[in-house]
Amino acid sequence: MRLAAPFSSRSAAAEGIRPRDDELDLYGLTHPGRVRQENQDHFLLCTVHPQVIIHGTSLPATDGLALRGQRLATIMLVADGVGGSAAGSRASRIATEAVTQYLATALRSYHAAGTASEHEFTEALRKAAIEAHDVVRAEAVAELGGRQMATTLSLGIVVWPWMYVLQVGDSRCYYYQAGALRQVTKDQTVAQGLADEGVLKPEQVKSSPLKHVLASAIGASAAVPEVSRVNVSERGSVILVCTDGLTKHVSDEEIAQRLGAMESAEQVCTQLLDLALERGGSDNVTLVVGRARKVPPK
């Protein structure tokens, strides 16, 4: 079973100019994998706009009015319910909804992105994660008698020309540009923490039994949201946000190869999913891909 949300483009504009909605190539999908019965992942792919809602008017026609304003942001989010928790699927759903609702009420902070007041925007992102954390923990108390439920959260939000990345847990955000793949996020796992402290060597993280033990998660005992920023103004560069169901089976080198040869966001999402499934699909797999199409040569 595949759940997909397409949003594709048919035209391109000049390099460096904010892409119009119809110039974006966006796609996301989720799959339970080949082993687990339940899909505890959730994703969200959307654009944010100011909108005019008419409740009454004497005008004879309103079709010509610009009722939806210029896109403020593009949101790419994945959440991976923690398998050992009581209700991972519920936690990832609640966190996704809570973050979206918080960001919808913080529209004024979007205008601070990329300015001297940028801290207002990054603080709003951190508060969105903490709000989700509090909501998930409250739900656990109310519905599960205090038993823990938790989820990862990786959010890429593009306010042109910047992408702000909010990270809690070990889902990942990648940025592919000019043939190079960069992991924007850092896994918030016990193994990675030990490597940061110098206890483990970086090359030992992949083989450590602690590589999937989360040190931070929404709804867990600790949630430590981290925010980073990347310039994404180059047309043709690609953003990938994914759960570890993909990266358990597909290496960074293979991801870079597929993104470099991608024909569309839908095609590369399906290709990467199929590769993870062919190699066992041991976990739920969720990924969201986005780009502004490159300007064709004249």
Foldseek 3Di string as FASTA:
>chain_A
DKDKDWQEADAADDFLDDDASNLKFKMKMWDFFDADPDALKDKDWDWDWDFADDPDDPDPDCPPPPGTHGTQKIKTKMKGKDPVFDRRSVLNVLLVVQLVVLVNVVVVLSVCPPHPNVVSVVVSNVVSLVRSLVVQQVCCVVPVVRTFIWMWMWMWMCRPQKTKIKTWAAWWKWKADPLDIDTPDDHQWPLSVCCVVVNDPPVCLVVDPGVRHHPATRRDPHHDIDMDMDGQSGALMKMKTKGCLLVVQAPPVRLSVLSVPDPGQVVSNVVSVVSSNVRRSNGMIIMMMMGRHHHDDD
